[in-house]
N, C-alpha and C. Protein backbone atom coordinates (compact mmCIF):
# COMPACT_ATOMS: atom_id res chain seq x y z
N MET A 1 26.12 53.75 -42.24
CA MET A 1 26.25 53.39 -41.14
C MET A 1 26.11 54.87 -40.53
N LEU A 2 25.14 55.13 -39.34
CA LEU A 2 25.04 56.14 -39.04
C LEU A 2 25.75 56.40 -38.06
N GLU A 3 26.21 58.54 -37.46
CA GLU A 3 27.19 58.66 -36.85
C GLU A 3 27.17 58.23 -35.71
N ILE A 4 25.58 57.94 -34.95
CA ILE A 4 25.53 57.65 -33.43
C ILE A 4 25.90 56.32 -33.27
N ASP A 5 26.22 55.54 -34.75
CA ASP A 5 25.98 53.52 -34.04
C ASP A 5 28.13 53.65 -33.94
N LEU A 6 28.49 54.98 -34.39
CA LEU A 6 29.98 54.76 -34.76
C LEU A 6 30.82 55.56 -33.32
N VAL A 7 29.71 56.48 -32.55
CA VAL A 7 30.20 57.14 -31.30
C VAL A 7 29.85 56.33 -30.35
N LEU A 8 28.29 55.59 -30.16
CA LEU A 8 28.43 54.48 -29.00
C LEU A 8 29.44 53.55 -29.25
N PHE A 9 29.05 52.75 -30.22
CA PHE A 9 31.02 51.83 -29.96
C PHE A 9 31.58 52.32 -29.93
N GLN A 10 32.80 52.85 -29.96
CA GLN A 10 33.56 53.46 -29.67
C GLN A 10 33.64 53.71 -28.27
N ALA A 11 32.28 54.30 -27.62
CA ALA A 11 32.47 54.68 -26.45
C ALA A 11 31.87 53.78 -25.31
N LEU A 12 31.39 52.30 -25.93
CA LEU A 12 31.38 50.86 -25.52
C LEU A 12 32.42 49.61 -25.73
N ASN A 13 33.04 50.09 -27.02
CA ASN A 13 34.24 48.90 -27.21
C ASN A 13 35.43 49.13 -25.97
N ALA A 14 35.76 48.30 -25.64
CA ALA A 14 36.73 48.33 -24.61
C ALA A 14 38.73 48.77 -25.68
N ASP A 15 38.91 49.28 -24.71
CA ASP A 15 40.08 48.97 -25.51
C ASP A 15 41.32 48.71 -24.65
N ALA A 16 42.62 49.08 -25.40
CA ALA A 16 43.81 48.97 -24.35
C ALA A 16 43.54 49.44 -22.65
N ALA A 17 42.88 50.37 -22.80
CA ALA A 17 43.01 51.45 -21.48
C ALA A 17 41.43 50.52 -20.50
N THR A 18 41.36 49.53 -20.72
CA THR A 18 39.89 48.98 -20.42
C THR A 18 40.47 48.17 -19.10
N LEU A 19 40.09 48.48 -18.23
CA LEU A 19 41.18 46.95 -17.27
C LEU A 19 40.03 46.24 -17.45
N PRO A 20 41.52 44.95 -17.46
CA PRO A 20 41.43 43.62 -17.90
C PRO A 20 40.11 42.62 -17.49
N ALA A 21 39.91 43.00 -16.07
CA ALA A 21 38.34 42.34 -15.94
C ALA A 21 37.28 42.73 -16.37
N VAL A 22 37.29 44.03 -16.91
CA VAL A 22 35.98 44.41 -17.24
C VAL A 22 35.67 43.42 -18.92
N VAL A 23 37.12 43.38 -19.65
CA VAL A 23 37.07 42.47 -20.69
C VAL A 23 36.88 41.34 -20.77
N ALA A 24 37.65 40.58 -18.96
CA ALA A 24 37.52 38.85 -19.17
C ALA A 24 35.75 38.88 -18.77
N VAL A 25 34.71 39.91 -17.70
CA VAL A 25 33.32 39.55 -17.62
C VAL A 25 33.01 39.79 -18.91
N ALA A 26 33.08 40.15 -19.71
CA ALA A 26 32.75 40.65 -21.65
C ALA A 26 32.58 39.29 -21.70
N ARG A 27 33.78 38.76 -22.05
CA ARG A 27 34.28 37.56 -22.62
C ARG A 27 33.41 36.41 -21.37
N TRP A 28 33.31 36.60 -20.77
CA TRP A 28 32.70 35.25 -19.97
C TRP A 28 30.77 35.43 -20.28
N VAL A 29 30.51 36.58 -20.96
CA VAL A 29 29.44 36.84 -20.99
C VAL A 29 28.36 36.29 -22.17
N SER A 30 29.54 36.45 -23.09
CA SER A 30 29.58 36.19 -24.54
C SER A 30 29.71 34.69 -24.51
N GLN A 31 30.18 34.55 -24.27
CA GLN A 31 31.26 33.16 -24.36
C GLN A 31 30.85 31.57 -23.37
N GLN A 32 30.60 32.10 -22.47
CA GLN A 32 30.37 31.01 -21.17
C GLN A 32 28.58 31.24 -21.17
N LEU A 33 27.85 32.22 -20.63
CA LEU A 33 26.91 32.36 -20.07
C LEU A 33 25.81 32.14 -21.10
N PRO A 34 25.53 31.52 -21.89
CA PRO A 34 25.06 30.98 -23.07
C PRO A 34 25.07 29.49 -22.22
N THR A 35 25.91 28.61 -22.38
CA THR A 35 26.01 27.17 -22.06
C THR A 35 25.11 27.84 -20.24
N ALA A 36 25.61 28.49 -19.20
CA ALA A 36 25.33 28.03 -18.38
C ALA A 36 23.65 28.23 -18.05
N MET A 37 23.16 28.99 -18.72
CA MET A 37 21.53 29.60 -19.67
C MET A 37 20.93 28.60 -20.11
N GLY A 38 21.43 27.91 -21.33
CA GLY A 38 21.35 26.47 -22.14
C GLY A 38 20.63 25.34 -20.61
N GLY A 39 21.66 24.86 -19.77
CA GLY A 39 21.98 24.01 -18.85
C GLY A 39 20.59 24.48 -17.75
N LEU A 40 20.65 25.80 -17.24
CA LEU A 40 19.48 25.96 -16.64
C LEU A 40 17.98 25.80 -17.11
N LEU A 41 17.83 26.21 -18.41
CA LEU A 41 16.83 26.03 -19.03
C LEU A 41 16.91 24.31 -18.98
N LEU A 42 17.60 23.43 -19.77
CA LEU A 42 17.35 22.15 -19.41
C LEU A 42 16.58 21.52 -18.18
N GLY A 43 17.58 22.04 -17.85
CA GLY A 43 17.02 21.45 -15.65
C GLY A 43 16.30 22.28 -15.47
N SER A 44 15.25 22.84 -15.28
CA SER A 44 14.39 23.56 -15.28
C SER A 44 12.89 22.94 -16.01
N LEU A 45 13.30 22.62 -17.23
CA LEU A 45 12.06 21.54 -18.53
C LEU A 45 11.65 20.23 -17.82
N VAL A 46 13.60 20.21 -17.31
CA VAL A 46 13.37 18.15 -16.56
C VAL A 46 12.56 18.89 -15.47
N LEU A 47 12.99 19.23 -14.49
CA LEU A 47 12.52 19.37 -13.36
C LEU A 47 10.85 20.54 -13.34
N GLY A 48 10.68 21.21 -14.22
CA GLY A 48 9.97 21.86 -14.10
C GLY A 48 8.39 21.39 -13.76
N ASN A 49 7.42 22.48 -13.36
CA ASN A 49 5.97 21.41 -13.60
C ASN A 49 5.60 21.88 -15.38
N ALA A 50 3.54 21.06 -15.08
CA ALA A 50 3.42 21.21 -16.14
C ALA A 50 3.72 23.24 -17.09
N ALA A 51 3.06 23.50 -16.01
CA ALA A 51 3.08 25.43 -16.58
C ALA A 51 4.71 25.66 -17.51
N GLN A 52 5.55 25.55 -16.38
CA GLN A 52 6.68 25.67 -16.92
C GLN A 52 7.48 25.44 -18.02
N ARG A 53 6.98 23.96 -18.23
CA ARG A 53 7.84 23.13 -19.24
C ARG A 53 6.70 24.17 -20.82
N ARG A 54 5.63 24.29 -20.08
CA ARG A 54 5.10 24.75 -21.53
C ARG A 54 5.34 26.54 -22.08
N ALA A 55 5.78 27.17 -20.99
CA ALA A 55 6.81 27.89 -21.32
C ALA A 55 8.01 28.28 -21.72
N LEU A 56 8.67 26.92 -21.17
CA LEU A 56 10.39 26.78 -21.51
C LEU A 56 9.94 26.37 -22.85
N ALA A 57 9.03 25.14 -23.65
CA ALA A 57 8.84 25.79 -24.47
C ALA A 57 8.93 26.28 -25.75
N LEU A 58 7.85 27.39 -25.41
CA LEU A 58 7.75 28.53 -25.95
C LEU A 58 8.77 29.29 -25.89
N ALA A 59 9.64 29.95 -24.70
CA ALA A 59 10.62 30.15 -24.68
C ALA A 59 11.61 29.73 -26.12
N LEU A 60 11.47 28.58 -26.35
CA LEU A 60 12.89 27.43 -26.61
C LEU A 60 12.19 27.98 -28.40
N ALA A 61 10.80 27.14 -28.64
CA ALA A 61 10.56 28.10 -29.92
C ALA A 61 10.89 29.08 -30.75
N SER A 62 10.35 30.03 -29.41
CA SER A 62 11.18 31.90 -29.88
C SER A 62 12.35 31.80 -30.69
N MET A 63 13.38 31.35 -29.68
CA MET A 63 14.62 30.94 -29.41
C MET A 63 15.18 30.10 -31.04
N ALA A 64 14.43 29.83 -31.56
CA ALA A 64 14.79 28.86 -32.63
C ALA A 64 14.33 29.98 -33.60
N LEU A 65 12.64 30.27 -33.60
CA LEU A 65 12.02 31.67 -35.22
C LEU A 65 13.39 32.55 -35.13
N ALA A 66 13.68 33.19 -33.91
CA ALA A 66 14.72 33.90 -34.05
C ALA A 66 16.40 33.93 -35.09
N TRP A 67 16.62 32.44 -34.33
CA TRP A 67 17.79 32.20 -35.13
C TRP A 67 17.33 32.37 -36.63
N LEU A 68 16.31 31.61 -37.18
CA LEU A 68 16.02 31.66 -38.10
C LEU A 68 15.86 32.85 -38.79
N GLY A 69 15.47 34.14 -38.21
CA GLY A 69 15.16 35.39 -38.45
C GLY A 69 16.98 36.38 -38.74
N VAL A 70 17.54 35.94 -38.16
CA VAL A 70 18.99 36.31 -37.89
C VAL A 70 19.68 35.86 -39.30
N GLN A 71 18.85 34.88 -38.98
CA GLN A 71 20.06 33.72 -40.92
C GLN A 71 19.20 34.25 -41.68
N LEU A 72 18.11 34.91 -42.00
CA LEU A 72 17.49 35.34 -42.83
C LEU A 72 17.78 37.21 -43.69
N LEU A 73 18.22 37.53 -41.95
CA LEU A 73 18.00 39.33 -42.47
C LEU A 73 19.75 39.36 -42.36
N ARG A 74 20.67 38.07 -42.04
CA ARG A 74 22.23 38.17 -42.73
C ARG A 74 21.74 38.17 -43.92
N LEU A 75 21.34 37.34 -44.54
CA LEU A 75 21.28 36.76 -46.15
C LEU A 75 20.98 38.47 -46.68
N ALA A 76 19.90 38.88 -46.65
CA ALA A 76 19.33 40.16 -47.01
C ALA A 76 20.25 41.50 -47.16
N VAL A 77 20.58 41.38 -45.40
CA VAL A 77 21.71 42.68 -44.82
C VAL A 77 22.79 42.43 -44.95
N PRO A 78 23.93 41.85 -46.13
CA PRO A 78 25.25 41.47 -45.13
C PRO A 78 26.36 42.51 -45.18
N ALA A 79 25.99 43.33 -43.52
CA ALA A 79 26.61 43.75 -42.72
C ALA A 79 28.24 43.13 -42.22
N PRO A 80 28.77 44.11 -42.47
CA PRO A 80 30.39 43.87 -41.86
C PRO A 80 30.53 44.37 -40.68
N ARG A 81 31.08 43.04 -39.50
CA ARG A 81 31.14 43.34 -38.21
C ARG A 81 32.58 44.46 -38.66
N PRO A 82 32.38 45.08 -36.92
CA PRO A 82 33.02 46.34 -36.79
C PRO A 82 35.33 46.18 -36.67
N ALA A 83 35.21 44.85 -36.78
CA ALA A 83 37.00 44.18 -37.33
C ALA A 83 36.92 44.28 -38.60
N GLN A 84 36.42 43.82 -38.85
CA GLN A 84 36.12 43.86 -40.87
C GLN A 84 36.24 44.79 -41.59
N LEU A 85 35.76 46.24 -40.97
CA LEU A 85 36.27 47.56 -40.99
C LEU A 85 36.96 48.36 -40.72
N GLY A 86 37.73 47.63 -40.18
CA GLY A 86 39.07 48.09 -39.52
C GLY A 86 39.12 49.17 -38.20
N ILE A 87 37.14 49.62 -37.12
CA ILE A 87 37.75 49.63 -36.71
C ILE A 87 36.95 49.27 -34.87
N GLY A 88 37.68 49.90 -33.89
CA GLY A 88 37.69 49.76 -32.76
C GLY A 88 38.71 48.60 -32.39
N VAL A 89 38.65 47.62 -30.99
CA VAL A 89 39.50 46.70 -31.07
C VAL A 89 38.27 45.32 -30.37
N GLN A 90 38.55 43.96 -31.64
CA GLN A 90 37.71 43.12 -31.32
C GLN A 90 38.59 41.80 -30.25
N TRP A 91 38.06 41.63 -29.54
CA TRP A 91 38.97 40.96 -27.89
C TRP A 91 38.41 39.75 -28.42
N ILE A 92 37.75 39.17 -28.87
CA ILE A 92 37.84 37.30 -29.08
C ILE A 92 37.58 37.21 -30.51
N GLU A 93 37.81 36.29 -30.54
CA GLU A 93 38.12 35.31 -32.40
C GLU A 93 36.90 35.15 -32.58
N HIS A 94 36.45 35.48 -33.76
CA HIS A 94 35.56 35.67 -34.63
C HIS A 94 35.20 35.61 -36.34
N ALA A 95 34.73 34.50 -36.55
CA ALA A 95 34.82 34.58 -38.26
C ALA A 95 33.87 35.80 -38.76
N ALA A 96 35.08 36.26 -39.70
CA ALA A 96 34.61 37.33 -40.72
C ALA A 96 33.28 37.51 -41.92
N ARG A 97 31.59 37.01 -41.21
CA ARG A 97 30.50 37.02 -41.65
C ARG A 97 29.68 38.27 -40.73
N ALA A 98 28.59 38.28 -41.55
CA ALA A 98 28.25 39.19 -41.45
C ALA A 98 27.70 39.26 -40.00
N GLY A 99 27.77 40.64 -39.08
CA GLY A 99 27.36 40.86 -38.13
C GLY A 99 25.35 41.36 -37.90
N PHE A 100 24.50 41.86 -38.93
CA PHE A 100 23.37 42.36 -38.77
C PHE A 100 22.39 41.13 -38.85
N PRO A 101 21.88 40.95 -37.81
CA PRO A 101 21.92 41.44 -36.47
C PRO A 101 22.69 40.85 -35.48
N SER A 102 22.74 40.70 -34.33
CA SER A 102 23.65 39.82 -33.70
C SER A 102 23.00 38.61 -32.85
N MET A 103 23.02 37.38 -33.11
CA MET A 103 22.43 36.08 -32.78
C MET A 103 22.61 36.28 -30.89
N HIS A 104 23.26 36.35 -30.83
CA HIS A 104 23.72 35.84 -29.47
C HIS A 104 22.45 36.59 -29.13
N VAL A 105 22.41 38.35 -29.16
CA VAL A 105 21.03 39.19 -28.74
C VAL A 105 19.68 38.40 -28.86
N ALA A 106 19.57 38.58 -30.22
CA ALA A 106 18.68 37.80 -30.58
C ALA A 106 17.64 36.27 -29.75
N GLY A 107 18.93 35.52 -29.39
CA GLY A 107 18.24 34.28 -28.65
C GLY A 107 18.16 34.77 -27.52
N ALA A 108 18.19 35.72 -26.69
CA ALA A 108 19.08 36.48 -25.42
C ALA A 108 17.72 36.67 -24.96
N ALA A 109 17.24 37.60 -25.72
CA ALA A 109 16.05 38.84 -26.33
C ALA A 109 14.60 37.85 -26.63
N ALA A 110 14.48 36.52 -27.66
CA ALA A 110 13.97 35.91 -27.67
C ALA A 110 13.38 35.13 -25.97
N LEU A 111 14.71 34.60 -25.58
CA LEU A 111 13.98 33.69 -24.47
C LEU A 111 13.79 34.71 -22.89
N ALA A 112 14.38 36.36 -23.03
CA ALA A 112 13.53 37.03 -21.78
C ALA A 112 12.31 37.45 -22.41
N ALA A 113 11.57 37.93 -23.47
CA ALA A 113 10.65 38.10 -24.42
C ALA A 113 9.75 37.05 -24.39
N SER A 114 9.97 36.17 -24.37
CA SER A 114 9.27 34.79 -23.71
C SER A 114 8.64 34.56 -22.62
N LEU A 115 9.86 34.57 -22.25
CA LEU A 115 9.52 34.29 -20.20
C LEU A 115 8.84 35.66 -19.81
N ALA A 116 8.64 37.44 -20.49
CA ALA A 116 7.99 38.02 -19.80
C ALA A 116 6.38 37.61 -19.93
N LEU A 117 6.68 37.72 -21.78
CA LEU A 117 4.92 37.07 -22.42
C LEU A 117 4.15 35.40 -21.18
N ARG A 118 5.32 34.84 -20.75
CA ARG A 118 4.51 33.92 -20.41
C ARG A 118 5.26 33.40 -18.93
N PRO A 119 5.55 33.96 -17.44
CA PRO A 119 6.88 34.45 -16.71
C PRO A 119 6.86 32.82 -15.87
N VAL A 120 8.55 32.10 -15.57
CA VAL A 120 8.47 31.45 -15.02
C VAL A 120 9.49 32.10 -13.84
N ARG A 121 8.96 31.61 -12.86
CA ARG A 121 9.25 32.44 -11.62
C ARG A 121 11.21 32.21 -11.49
N GLY A 122 12.06 32.91 -10.93
CA GLY A 122 12.74 32.72 -11.17
C GLY A 122 13.70 32.80 -12.55
N LEU A 123 13.18 32.75 -13.73
CA LEU A 123 13.75 32.78 -14.78
C LEU A 123 13.97 34.11 -15.66
N THR A 124 12.69 34.60 -15.17
CA THR A 124 12.33 35.98 -16.35
C THR A 124 13.05 36.70 -15.61
N TRP A 125 13.39 37.85 -14.31
CA TRP A 125 14.41 38.62 -14.43
C TRP A 125 15.15 38.07 -14.71
N LEU A 126 16.10 36.69 -14.72
CA LEU A 126 17.29 36.41 -15.20
C LEU A 126 17.20 36.83 -16.80
N ALA A 127 16.43 36.12 -17.00
CA ALA A 127 16.73 36.13 -18.61
C ALA A 127 16.58 38.01 -19.18
N ALA A 128 16.23 38.56 -18.77
CA ALA A 128 16.37 39.70 -18.69
C ALA A 128 17.39 40.57 -18.82
N ALA A 129 17.80 40.66 -17.09
CA ALA A 129 19.09 40.29 -17.08
C ALA A 129 20.71 39.83 -18.32
N VAL A 130 20.19 38.87 -18.42
CA VAL A 130 21.26 37.95 -19.48
C VAL A 130 21.41 39.06 -20.75
N THR A 131 19.83 39.28 -21.18
CA THR A 131 19.90 40.20 -22.90
C THR A 131 20.64 41.53 -22.30
N ALA A 132 20.56 42.56 -20.73
CA ALA A 132 21.16 43.23 -21.06
C ALA A 132 22.80 43.62 -21.24
N ALA A 133 22.69 42.38 -19.99
CA ALA A 133 24.92 41.72 -20.16
C ALA A 133 25.15 41.52 -21.84
N MET A 134 24.31 40.54 -22.53
CA MET A 134 24.73 40.09 -23.77
C MET A 134 24.57 42.13 -25.15
N VAL A 135 23.77 42.34 -24.67
CA VAL A 135 24.10 43.42 -25.30
C VAL A 135 25.16 44.29 -25.41
N TRP A 136 25.60 44.54 -24.07
CA TRP A 136 26.94 45.51 -23.23
C TRP A 136 28.15 44.71 -24.23
N SER A 137 28.08 43.13 -23.78
CA SER A 137 29.30 42.34 -24.23
C SER A 137 29.51 42.53 -25.66
N ARG A 138 29.26 42.13 -26.59
CA ARG A 138 28.65 42.19 -27.81
C ARG A 138 30.10 43.29 -27.87
N VAL A 139 28.98 44.61 -27.98
CA VAL A 139 29.58 46.19 -28.31
C VAL A 139 31.01 45.98 -27.52
N CYS A 140 31.26 45.60 -26.27
CA CYS A 140 31.91 46.60 -25.38
C CYS A 140 33.19 45.04 -26.19
N LEU A 141 33.37 43.80 -26.82
CA LEU A 141 34.12 42.88 -26.78
C LEU A 141 34.83 43.30 -28.83
N GLY A 142 33.47 44.05 -29.44
CA GLY A 142 34.34 44.95 -30.45
C GLY A 142 33.44 43.84 -31.42
N VAL A 143 32.54 43.01 -31.13
CA VAL A 143 31.97 42.13 -32.36
C VAL A 143 30.95 42.16 -32.93
N HIS A 144 30.11 43.85 -32.34
CA HIS A 144 28.78 43.81 -33.26
C HIS A 144 29.15 45.77 -32.83
N PHE A 145 28.64 46.39 -33.93
CA PHE A 145 27.91 47.73 -33.54
C PHE A 145 26.41 47.55 -32.74
N PRO A 146 26.37 48.92 -32.28
CA PRO A 146 25.07 49.20 -31.51
C PRO A 146 23.80 48.40 -32.26
N SER A 147 23.36 49.07 -33.55
CA SER A 147 22.88 48.38 -34.36
C SER A 147 22.51 47.24 -34.64
N ASP A 148 23.81 46.16 -34.58
CA ASP A 148 23.44 44.95 -34.89
C ASP A 148 22.47 44.23 -33.33
N VAL A 149 22.93 44.61 -32.31
CA VAL A 149 22.79 44.44 -31.35
C VAL A 149 21.24 45.14 -30.94
N LEU A 150 21.20 45.71 -31.25
CA LEU A 150 19.27 46.37 -31.52
C LEU A 150 18.58 45.70 -32.11
N ALA A 151 18.95 45.56 -33.70
CA ALA A 151 18.28 44.89 -34.09
C ALA A 151 18.14 43.53 -33.90
N GLY A 152 19.07 43.01 -33.20
CA GLY A 152 18.94 41.48 -32.25
C GLY A 152 17.72 41.42 -31.07
N LEU A 153 17.67 42.72 -30.51
CA LEU A 153 16.39 42.56 -29.49
C LEU A 153 15.89 42.54 -30.31
N LEU A 154 15.38 43.56 -31.49
CA LEU A 154 13.87 43.59 -32.32
C LEU A 154 13.75 41.65 -32.68
N THR A 155 14.53 41.44 -33.14
CA THR A 155 14.45 40.22 -33.92
C THR A 155 13.85 39.54 -33.02
N GLY A 156 14.52 39.04 -31.52
CA GLY A 156 14.15 38.16 -30.94
C GLY A 156 12.73 38.54 -29.94
N GLY A 157 12.38 39.91 -29.91
CA GLY A 157 11.26 40.59 -29.18
C GLY A 157 10.25 39.83 -30.09
N LEU A 158 10.47 40.46 -31.62
CA LEU A 158 9.32 40.02 -32.46
C LEU A 158 9.22 38.54 -33.00
N ALA A 159 10.31 37.49 -32.57
CA ALA A 159 9.94 36.13 -32.44
C ALA A 159 9.27 35.42 -31.25
N ALA A 160 9.46 36.30 -30.22
CA ALA A 160 8.67 35.62 -29.22
C ALA A 160 7.21 35.88 -29.62
N ALA A 161 6.87 37.18 -29.81
CA ALA A 161 5.55 37.51 -29.81
C ALA A 161 4.92 36.44 -30.46
N ALA A 162 5.42 36.38 -32.17
CA ALA A 162 4.99 35.27 -33.27
C ALA A 162 4.03 34.26 -32.57
N ILE A 163 5.13 33.48 -31.70
CA ILE A 163 5.29 31.99 -30.86
C ILE A 163 4.01 32.67 -29.80
N HIS A 164 4.39 33.39 -29.18
CA HIS A 164 2.73 33.70 -28.24
C HIS A 164 1.90 33.45 -29.73
N ALA A 165 1.62 34.79 -30.38
CA ALA A 165 0.21 34.24 -30.97
C ALA A 165 -0.19 33.49 -31.68
N LEU A 166 0.66 32.43 -32.07
CA LEU A 166 0.90 31.11 -32.72
C LEU A 166 0.29 30.58 -31.45
N ALA A 167 0.23 29.75 -30.54
CA ALA A 167 0.33 29.45 -29.25
C ALA A 167 -1.57 29.79 -28.47
N ALA A 168 -1.38 31.08 -28.61
CA ALA A 168 -2.53 31.62 -28.19
C ALA A 168 -3.61 31.12 -29.47
N ARG A 169 -3.36 30.96 -30.32
CA ARG A 169 -4.36 30.16 -31.95
C ARG A 169 -4.43 28.63 -31.88
N ALA A 170 -3.71 28.21 -30.71
CA ALA A 170 -3.36 26.65 -31.06
C ALA A 170 -5.06 25.94 -31.07
N PRO A 171 -5.75 26.11 -29.57
CA PRO A 171 -6.59 25.84 -29.16
C PRO A 171 -7.67 25.61 -29.87
N ARG A 172 -7.74 26.76 -30.22
CA ARG A 172 -8.95 27.01 -31.94
C ARG A 172 -8.51 26.10 -33.07
N TRP A 173 -7.26 26.16 -33.27
CA TRP A 173 -7.00 25.15 -34.55
C TRP A 173 -7.27 23.57 -33.74
N GLN A 174 -6.83 23.21 -32.80
CA GLN A 174 -6.91 22.24 -32.70
C GLN A 174 -8.34 21.41 -32.36
N ALA A 175 -9.57 22.70 -32.19
CA ALA A 175 -10.90 22.36 -31.98
C ALA A 175 -11.23 22.08 -33.46
N ALA A 176 -11.05 23.38 -34.07
CA ALA A 176 -11.55 22.69 -35.39
C ALA A 176 -10.79 21.48 -36.38
N LEU A 177 -9.38 21.34 -36.15
CA LEU A 177 -9.37 19.99 -36.36
C LEU A 177 -9.97 18.53 -36.32
N LEU A 178 -10.69 18.64 -34.39
CA LEU A 178 -11.38 18.00 -33.97
C LEU A 178 -13.20 17.66 -33.83
N HIS A 179 -13.39 19.33 -34.72
CA HIS A 179 -14.95 19.30 -35.22
C HIS A 179 -15.67 19.36 -34.24
N LYS A 180 -14.78 20.59 -33.13
CA LYS A 180 -15.17 21.00 -32.13
C LYS A 180 -15.10 22.83 -31.97
N SER A 181 -15.82 23.20 -31.44
CA SER A 181 -15.60 24.43 -31.19
C SER A 181 -14.47 24.59 -30.26
N PRO A 182 -13.85 25.89 -30.06
CA PRO A 182 -13.21 26.31 -28.68
C PRO A 182 -13.50 26.05 -27.59
N GLN A 183 -14.58 25.59 -27.32
CA GLN A 183 -15.13 25.70 -25.97
C GLN A 183 -16.03 24.42 -25.26
N GLY A 184 -15.61 23.56 -26.70
CA GLY A 184 -15.30 22.14 -26.49
C GLY A 184 -17.44 21.40 -26.97
N ASN A 185 -17.79 22.49 -27.89
CA ASN A 185 -18.78 21.61 -28.30
C ASN A 185 -18.75 21.14 -28.72
N ALA A 186 -19.18 20.29 -30.34
CA ALA A 186 -19.29 19.50 -31.06
C ALA A 186 -20.17 20.19 -32.06
N HIS A 187 -19.54 20.41 -33.47
CA HIS A 187 -20.21 20.96 -34.38
C HIS A 187 -22.09 20.44 -34.77
């Protein structure tokens, strides 16, 4: 672990002197906000127009790829969480499994990055704010080091970039399957 990681963790991790309201907000961000965002995304998928549904489908695919990326990285780099090392205060219950990268942050970052690449009015900036709040809350609550959340940001962002790159190629693949050029002309 780099010294900067430990210094930043100690600066952001809540301790006994932290206001209870700060810990309560951090808990809400980590535990209830993902469910609230899921409901909002589901409602937007159902009620949105075709362009919004496509953007949200890409965002959900980005989140799924980020989940897979986190699972693979955790297998390759089984880094312990702060509490497993006896560092800081852990404010929420958490299983003793690898913490690198942060799954919460990777999912939030995948959503935000995907919506930045294909904006949905009202959701794009909200997703970015949720990601920033998630980064703070996971370290504040003592379940991740700053390097874990940074890796989550990168994993989510790369997942969104990959999904959008694949989606951009889809019309060419569909044309090849139909023996047509991307402009609609038959071969």
